[in-house]
Amino acid sequence: MLAAAACGLMVAVASGGAAAQGNGDKIVMKLGHTLAPENHYQLTALEFARLVKQKTGGKVEVQVFPQSQLGGEVQMTQALRTGTQDMMLSAQAAVVNTIKQWEIFDIPYLFNSIDEANHVLQGPVGRKFLDMMEPANMVGLAWISVGERNLFTAKKPVDNVNDLKDLKVRVMQSPGYLAGYKALGANPTPLAYNQLFLALSQGLVDGADTSPEQFMQDKFADVAKHYYITHVNYLPVVMAISKTTWNKLNPEQQKAVRESAQQAAQFDLKEYHRQYDDALAQMKKRGVEVKVLDTTQWSARTAAARNEILARIPDGPANYKEIMAAKAAAAR
């Protein structure tokens, strides 16, 4: 049923600006993301669209466009800012150039688990970071599940942190990710994601980092035989709407959209766990070695990178203190 809904919502991009008016008073909003139709991004976006339709009596429609049909995450961020796109699901790292404080989430080993990171982001600290979007002409509606980014390699096995020395690891084009993997002794190599499969198959990079479900959905099991649970980074994912579009909604519609986003986020927390576990099982069936590594030394080696990142982030130390307090509260 979800697959059928996905096909129904992957329609051609309408011409004109954001929040196009349809027949009567109907508002049509386009939501873009960069991942595959079977990814939790898509399923959560479809759940959001269903809830919005239900709560607004069909007066607001959300059309979902996966796999970068509306552009990459940086491009979509700028489109939301200028009001030429309505909505997006985006990794936090793509928004760092717009909201400098968000670079704090690039800190290696900021969180200890998926559940801990989600607990912090679903609370007051997460709301504070969402509110930072408004001065950039965006409204942060909700954080969906973080993605646990783990190291994987094509051929070279990794047993401990020393094995990372000079390993060419593709990372996102983010200063924090570069600093983190450099501190681990690797040779971090920023590369466009759509070039990674070919780079691995040709030996231009030795490995990369990604979440388990992305590893399987994007066919990396065809070219990489080692996947390591290293949880160097937990990548937040935001559901956001252009303030231009938001202001076209009446107060009741705004309430419906915000509530739908928050409910869809709760759906996603469960769906991500399901896809995570399923992907690890699929890897093992495909002959991919899945190994849980002791990351005590990994975390220690990235301490300098954490300090480096905090020093350059606006309000870095104060926000870091709030995150640590929220983590401590979650542990009680």
Protein backbone atom coordinates (compact mmCIF):
# COMPACT_ATOMS: atom_id res chain seq x y z
CA MET A 1 0.00 0.00 0.00
CA LEU A 2 2.83 2.38 0.83
CA ALA A 3 4.51 1.58 -2.49
CA ALA A 4 1.30 2.40 -4.33
CA ALA A 5 1.01 5.65 -2.42
CA ALA A 6 4.62 6.47 -3.28
CA CYS A 7 3.91 6.04 -6.97
CA GLY A 8 0.83 8.20 -6.67
CA LEU A 9 2.75 11.02 -5.04
CA MET A 10 5.75 11.02 -7.35
CA VAL A 11 4.15 13.37 -9.82
CA ALA A 12 5.66 15.89 -12.17
CA VAL A 13 6.82 19.11 -10.56
CA ALA A 14 4.25 21.82 -11.12
CA SER A 15 5.35 25.11 -12.56
CA GLY A 16 5.09 28.26 -10.50
CA GLY A 17 6.07 29.17 -6.97
CA ALA A 18 5.66 27.45 -3.63
CA ALA A 19 2.32 26.38 -2.15
CA ALA A 20 0.52 26.37 -5.49
CA GLN A 21 -3.22 26.99 -5.27
CA GLY A 22 -5.24 24.18 -6.82
CA ASN A 23 -8.98 24.10 -7.51
CA GLY A 24 -10.93 26.20 -5.04
CA ASP A 25 -8.96 26.95 -1.89
CA LYS A 26 -6.83 23.78 -1.97
CA ILE A 27 -3.14 24.30 -1.24
CA VAL A 28 -0.59 21.94 -2.79
CA MET A 29 2.85 21.73 -1.15
CA LYS A 30 5.89 19.95 -2.58
CA LEU A 31 8.18 18.11 -0.17
CA GLY A 32 11.56 16.91 -1.41
CA HIS A 33 14.24 14.60 -0.06
CA THR A 34 17.30 12.86 -1.48
CA LEU A 35 16.88 9.20 -0.52
CA ALA A 36 15.35 6.12 -2.15
CA PRO A 37 11.59 5.43 -2.32
CA GLU A 38 11.98 2.52 0.12
CA ASN A 39 13.90 4.60 2.69
CA HIS A 40 12.35 5.69 5.96
CA TYR A 41 12.49 9.31 4.69
CA GLN A 42 9.92 8.44 2.02
CA LEU A 43 7.67 6.36 4.26
CA THR A 44 7.63 9.12 6.86
CA ALA A 45 6.95 11.79 4.25
CA LEU A 46 3.99 9.74 3.01
CA GLU A 47 2.69 9.34 6.56
CA PHE A 48 3.00 13.10 7.00
CA ALA A 49 1.09 13.70 3.76
CA ARG A 50 -1.66 11.33 4.89
CA LEU A 51 -2.00 13.07 8.24
CA VAL A 52 -2.08 16.55 6.70
CA LYS A 53 -4.83 15.50 4.30
CA GLN A 54 -6.80 13.97 7.16
CA LYS A 55 -6.41 16.92 9.54
CA THR A 56 -7.21 19.59 6.93
CA GLY A 57 -10.09 17.76 5.30
CA GLY A 58 -8.15 17.59 2.04
CA LYS A 59 -7.65 21.35 1.82
CA VAL A 60 -3.86 20.95 2.04
CA GLU A 61 -2.12 18.35 -0.13
CA VAL A 62 1.52 17.30 0.23
CA GLN A 63 3.24 15.86 -2.83
CA VAL A 64 6.43 13.92 -2.11
CA PHE A 65 9.50 13.88 -4.37
CA PRO A 66 12.30 11.42 -3.41
CA GLN A 67 15.78 10.84 -4.84
CA SER A 68 16.75 14.50 -5.31
CA GLN A 69 13.96 15.24 -7.80
CA LEU A 70 13.79 18.75 -6.34
CA GLY A 71 17.57 19.01 -5.92
CA GLY A 72 20.23 18.14 -3.39
CA GLU A 73 19.90 19.09 0.27
CA VAL A 74 21.94 22.29 0.04
CA GLN A 75 19.95 23.34 -3.02
CA MET A 76 16.64 22.58 -1.31
CA THR A 77 17.69 24.53 1.78
CA GLN A 78 18.31 27.60 -0.35
CA ALA A 79 15.01 27.07 -2.18
CA LEU A 80 13.12 27.04 1.12
CA ARG A 81 14.90 30.22 2.16
CA THR A 82 13.91 32.02 -1.03
CA GLY A 83 10.38 30.60 -1.01
CA THR A 84 10.67 28.68 -4.28
CA GLN A 85 10.19 25.29 -2.60
CA ASP A 86 7.71 24.40 0.11
CA MET A 87 9.17 21.63 2.25
CA MET A 88 12.09 19.27 2.71
CA LEU A 89 13.48 16.44 4.75
CA SER A 90 17.19 17.15 5.08
CA ALA A 91 20.21 16.04 7.01
CA GLN A 92 21.40 18.70 9.45
CA ALA A 93 24.87 18.87 7.88
CA ALA A 94 23.45 20.43 4.71
CA VAL A 95 22.02 23.32 6.75
CA VAL A 96 25.23 24.17 8.64
CA ASN A 97 26.27 26.87 6.18
CA THR A 98 22.96 28.60 6.88
CA ILE A 99 22.71 27.95 10.63
CA LYS A 100 26.23 27.87 12.05
CA GLN A 101 25.09 26.64 15.47
CA TRP A 102 23.96 23.36 13.89
CA GLU A 103 27.58 22.35 13.32
CA ILE A 104 27.57 21.15 16.92
CA PHE A 105 25.90 17.96 15.69
CA ASP A 106 28.97 17.20 13.57
CA ILE A 107 30.97 16.56 16.75
CA PRO A 108 32.19 12.94 16.80
CA TYR A 109 30.68 10.83 19.60
CA LEU A 110 28.34 13.61 20.70
CA PHE A 111 25.75 10.91 21.44
CA ASN A 112 26.09 7.32 22.63
CA SER A 113 23.12 5.76 20.88
CA ILE A 114 20.26 6.33 18.46
CA ASP A 115 17.74 6.44 21.31
CA GLU A 116 19.78 8.92 23.33
CA ALA A 117 20.16 11.28 20.37
CA ASN A 118 16.46 11.05 19.54
CA HIS A 119 15.49 11.67 23.16
CA VAL A 120 17.50 14.91 23.21
CA LEU A 121 16.20 16.10 19.86
CA GLN A 122 12.55 15.35 20.70
CA GLY A 123 12.82 17.53 23.81
CA PRO A 124 13.38 21.23 24.60
CA VAL A 125 16.95 21.22 23.29
CA GLY A 126 15.77 19.95 19.93
CA ARG A 127 13.02 22.59 19.84
CA LYS A 128 15.62 25.29 20.50
CA PHE A 129 17.64 24.22 17.46
CA LEU A 130 14.51 24.00 15.28
CA ASP A 131 13.61 27.58 16.23
CA MET A 132 16.97 28.71 14.84
CA MET A 133 15.53 28.16 11.35
CA GLU A 134 13.08 31.07 11.51
CA PRO A 135 15.61 33.91 10.97
CA ALA A 136 16.62 32.05 7.78
CA ASN A 137 13.01 32.14 6.48
CA MET A 138 12.33 28.50 7.39
CA VAL A 139 10.15 26.87 10.02
CA GLY A 140 11.50 23.74 11.68
CA LEU A 141 8.55 21.39 12.20
CA ALA A 142 10.19 18.30 13.69
CA TRP A 143 13.29 16.17 13.94
CA ILE A 144 12.76 12.65 12.60
CA SER A 145 15.15 9.86 13.64
CA VAL A 146 18.86 10.47 13.58
CA GLY A 147 20.91 8.27 11.28
CA GLU A 148 23.73 6.28 12.85
CA ARG A 149 26.73 6.75 10.57
CA ASN A 150 29.13 3.82 10.69
CA LEU A 151 32.35 3.10 8.82
CA PHE A 152 32.42 0.58 5.99
CA THR A 153 35.28 -0.52 3.74
CA ALA A 154 35.48 -2.16 0.34
CA LYS A 155 38.35 -4.53 1.02
CA LYS A 156 40.61 -3.51 3.89
CA PRO A 157 39.53 -4.95 7.26
CA VAL A 158 39.48 -2.70 10.33
CA ASP A 159 39.95 -4.20 13.78
CA ASN A 160 40.87 -1.09 15.77
CA VAL A 161 41.41 2.63 15.36
CA ASN A 162 45.04 2.15 14.29
CA ASP A 163 43.81 0.45 11.11
CA LEU A 164 42.36 3.77 9.97
CA LYS A 165 45.80 5.27 9.37
CA ASP A 166 45.81 6.87 5.89
CA LEU A 167 42.57 5.05 4.98
CA LYS A 168 40.76 7.06 2.30
CA VAL A 169 37.29 7.51 3.76
CA ARG A 170 34.62 9.39 1.86
CA VAL A 171 32.84 11.83 4.17
CA MET A 172 30.23 14.51 3.73
CA GLN A 173 31.51 17.93 2.73
CA SER A 174 31.30 19.17 6.30
CA PRO A 175 34.19 20.64 8.34
CA GLY A 176 33.15 18.64 11.39
CA TYR A 177 33.22 15.29 9.58
CA LEU A 178 36.58 16.15 8.02
CA ALA A 179 38.04 17.07 11.41
CA GLY A 180 36.65 13.95 13.07
CA TYR A 181 38.04 11.41 10.61
CA LYS A 182 41.33 13.27 10.37
CA ALA A 183 41.66 12.97 14.15
CA LEU A 184 41.07 9.22 13.81
CA GLY A 185 44.09 9.02 11.50
CA ALA A 186 42.14 8.52 8.28
CA ASN A 187 42.46 10.50 5.08
CA PRO A 188 38.94 11.99 4.88
CA THR A 189 37.91 12.58 1.29
CA PRO A 190 34.88 14.79 0.58
CA LEU A 191 33.05 13.44 -2.43
CA ALA A 192 29.55 13.84 -3.86
CA TYR A 193 27.38 10.95 -2.68
CA ASN A 194 26.31 10.05 -6.21
CA GLN A 195 29.99 9.44 -7.08
CA LEU A 196 30.70 7.14 -4.15
CA PHE A 197 29.67 3.79 -5.64
CA LEU A 198 31.96 4.25 -8.65
CA ALA A 199 34.80 5.55 -6.48
CA LEU A 200 34.60 2.43 -4.28
CA SER A 201 34.43 0.06 -7.24
CA GLN A 202 37.48 1.71 -8.84
CA GLY A 203 39.48 1.87 -5.60
CA LEU A 204 39.58 5.66 -5.54
CA VAL A 205 38.44 5.54 -1.90
CA ASP A 206 38.81 2.70 0.60
CA GLY A 207 35.54 3.22 2.41
CA ALA A 208 32.93 5.65 3.67
CA ASP A 209 30.40 6.14 6.42
CA THR A 210 26.66 5.68 6.20
CA SER A 211 23.66 4.24 7.99
CA PRO A 212 22.87 0.51 7.58
CA GLU A 213 19.67 0.96 5.58
CA GLN A 214 21.36 3.36 3.13
CA PHE A 215 24.21 0.89 2.73
CA MET A 216 21.78 -1.76 1.53
CA GLN A 217 19.30 0.41 -0.37
CA ASP A 218 22.08 2.08 -2.37
CA LYS A 219 23.68 -1.28 -3.23
CA PHE A 220 27.01 -0.77 -1.47
CA ALA A 221 26.98 -4.47 -0.57
CA ASP A 222 27.98 -5.03 -4.21
CA VAL A 223 31.33 -3.29 -3.72
CA ALA A 224 32.00 -3.29 0.05
CA LYS A 225 32.44 -6.37 2.21
CA HIS A 226 33.06 -4.90 5.67
CA TYR A 227 30.61 -2.88 7.80
CA TYR A 228 31.60 -1.71 11.27
CA ILE A 229 29.37 -0.43 14.08
CA THR A 230 31.48 2.60 15.02
CA HIS A 231 28.70 5.24 15.50
CA VAL A 232 31.18 8.09 14.99
CA ASN A 233 28.32 10.44 14.17
CA TYR A 234 24.58 10.57 14.69
CA LEU A 235 23.10 12.66 11.92
CA PRO A 236 19.94 14.63 12.77
CA VAL A 237 17.28 14.93 10.07
CA VAL A 238 14.91 17.88 9.96
CA MET A 239 11.43 18.30 8.45
CA ALA A 240 11.13 21.95 7.52
CA ILE A 241 8.83 24.28 5.62
CA SER A 242 9.55 27.59 3.93
CA LYS A 243 8.31 30.51 5.99
CA THR A 244 6.88 31.89 2.74
CA THR A 245 4.69 28.81 2.42
CA TRP A 246 3.95 28.70 6.15
CA ASN A 247 2.55 32.24 6.05
CA LYS A 248 0.10 31.19 3.33
CA LEU A 249 -1.53 28.72 5.69
CA ASN A 250 -4.24 29.86 8.07
CA PRO A 251 -3.74 29.22 11.83
CA GLU A 252 -5.79 26.00 11.76
CA GLN A 253 -3.78 24.67 8.81
CA GLN A 254 -0.51 25.61 10.51
CA LYS A 255 -1.60 23.70 13.62
CA ALA A 256 -2.54 20.69 11.49
CA VAL A 257 0.77 20.72 9.63
CA ARG A 258 2.81 21.02 12.83
CA GLU A 259 0.88 18.23 14.56
CA SER A 260 1.20 16.02 11.48
CA ALA A 261 4.96 16.55 11.41
CA GLN A 262 5.31 15.67 15.07
CA GLN A 263 3.21 12.51 14.66
CA ALA A 264 5.11 11.52 11.52
CA ALA A 265 8.36 11.96 13.45
CA GLN A 266 7.17 9.46 16.06
CA PHE A 267 6.33 7.06 13.24
CA ASP A 268 9.85 7.53 11.90
CA LEU A 269 11.58 6.75 15.19
CA LYS A 270 10.09 3.25 15.02
CA GLU A 271 10.51 2.84 11.26
CA TYR A 272 14.20 3.75 11.37
CA HIS A 273 14.87 1.08 14.00
CA ARG A 274 13.02 -1.47 11.88
CA GLN A 275 15.02 -0.61 8.75
CA TYR A 276 18.28 -0.52 10.75
CA ASP A 277 17.81 -4.04 12.12
CA ASP A 278 16.57 -5.40 8.79
CA ALA A 279 19.56 -3.95 6.94
CA LEU A 280 22.10 -5.57 9.28
CA ALA A 281 20.37 -8.92 8.78
CA GLN A 282 20.43 -8.43 4.99
CA MET A 283 24.15 -7.60 5.08
CA LYS A 284 24.97 -10.86 6.80
CA LYS A 285 22.92 -12.80 4.25
CA ARG A 286 24.88 -11.04 1.47
CA GLY A 287 28.21 -12.07 2.99
CA VAL A 288 29.11 -8.64 4.34
CA GLU A 289 31.11 -8.84 7.55
CA VAL A 290 29.30 -6.89 10.28
CA LYS A 291 31.51 -6.19 13.26
CA VAL A 292 30.85 -4.21 16.45
CA LEU A 293 34.06 -2.44 17.43
CA ASP A 294 35.16 -1.14 20.82
CA THR A 295 35.16 2.61 20.16
CA THR A 296 36.67 3.78 23.47
CA GLN A 297 39.94 4.80 21.78
CA TRP A 298 38.03 6.22 18.81
CA SER A 299 36.17 8.63 21.07
CA ALA A 300 39.34 9.60 22.94
CA ARG A 301 41.20 10.39 19.72
CA THR A 302 38.47 12.74 18.55
CA ALA A 303 38.54 14.90 21.70
CA ALA A 304 40.70 17.52 20.00
CA ALA A 305 38.31 17.65 17.06
CA ARG A 306 35.39 18.19 19.46
CA ASN A 307 37.19 21.13 21.04
CA GLU A 308 38.11 22.53 17.63
CA ILE A 309 34.51 22.42 16.42
CA LEU A 310 33.09 23.90 19.63
CA ALA A 311 35.54 26.79 19.52
CA ARG A 312 34.30 28.01 16.14
CA ILE A 313 30.55 27.50 16.60
CA PRO A 314 28.46 30.47 17.77
CA ASP A 315 27.33 29.72 21.35
CA GLY A 316 29.10 26.37 21.03
CA PRO A 317 30.10 25.78 24.67
CA ALA A 318 26.71 26.90 26.03
CA ASN A 319 24.75 24.71 23.60
CA TYR A 320 27.08 21.78 24.26
CA LYS A 321 26.39 22.14 27.99
CA GLU A 322 22.63 22.00 27.33
CA ILE A 323 23.01 18.87 25.22
CA MET A 324 25.11 17.19 27.90
CA ALA A 325 22.52 18.09 30.56
CA ALA A 326 19.73 16.63 28.40
CA LYS A 327 21.77 13.43 27.92
CA ALA A 328 22.26 13.16 31.69
CA ALA A 329 18.55 13.66 32.27
CA ALA A 330 17.74 10.94 29.73
CA ALA A 331 20.03 8.51 31.55
CA ARG A 332 18.22 8.98 34.86
